[in-house]
């Protein structure tokens, strides 16, 4: 019986140390989490989107620090109208609902004592994993004479990989010894390297945006 109790006690201690190591390793991987609301800033029609992310912030208590993370963002932007001869179909009211996964990286400058202020400048590498395309389509004949009525067309496509640049300012407000609240507005743009099937020219699609990020930082 004593041997059994000893084995159970050893197993419990091993489980406890294992949980502590898992928490510590997770904390070493990600120590900042955020949700965001974004809005297109350059297209003729703009719409709101959202996102979530997790990052590791290096040296947040120093003047010069950095951040690397993983983010998922949803963007809703308007792609303009297309008429012949660019297409055999007249396409109006085009919408792209794009879901992106990206790895942001940035250099940070930190100021302040208890309340920390920051300035961030960096970029991102990512890929568009899914885009829902919607448009009002009017069929045309071979001589580009329109006929019929506009019909809503919905397809899925990919905008491919993209490169981005961004900058922002923010503030950490201590909540307690373990957590700080983060408020960080930022702005940026993404260059999609693959041209959408219905784009009017061969240039990459550029998506400008502004965001408001609200997050939680764990103490190191």
Foldseek 3Di string as FASTA:
>chain_A
DVVVVVVVVVVVVVVVVVVVVVVVVVCQAFFKKKKKKKWFDDAPDIDIWIKIWTWDWAPQVDQKTKIKIKMKIWGKGWQAWDAPPLDQKTWPGKIKTWIKIKIWIWIWGWDDDQKIKIKIWTKIKIFTPKIKIKTFIFHADPVRHTDDGTDIDIDMDTLTIKIKIKIKMWMWHDPDPFKTKIWIKMWMKIFRPHDPPRHSDRGTDITTMIMIMIMMGTDD
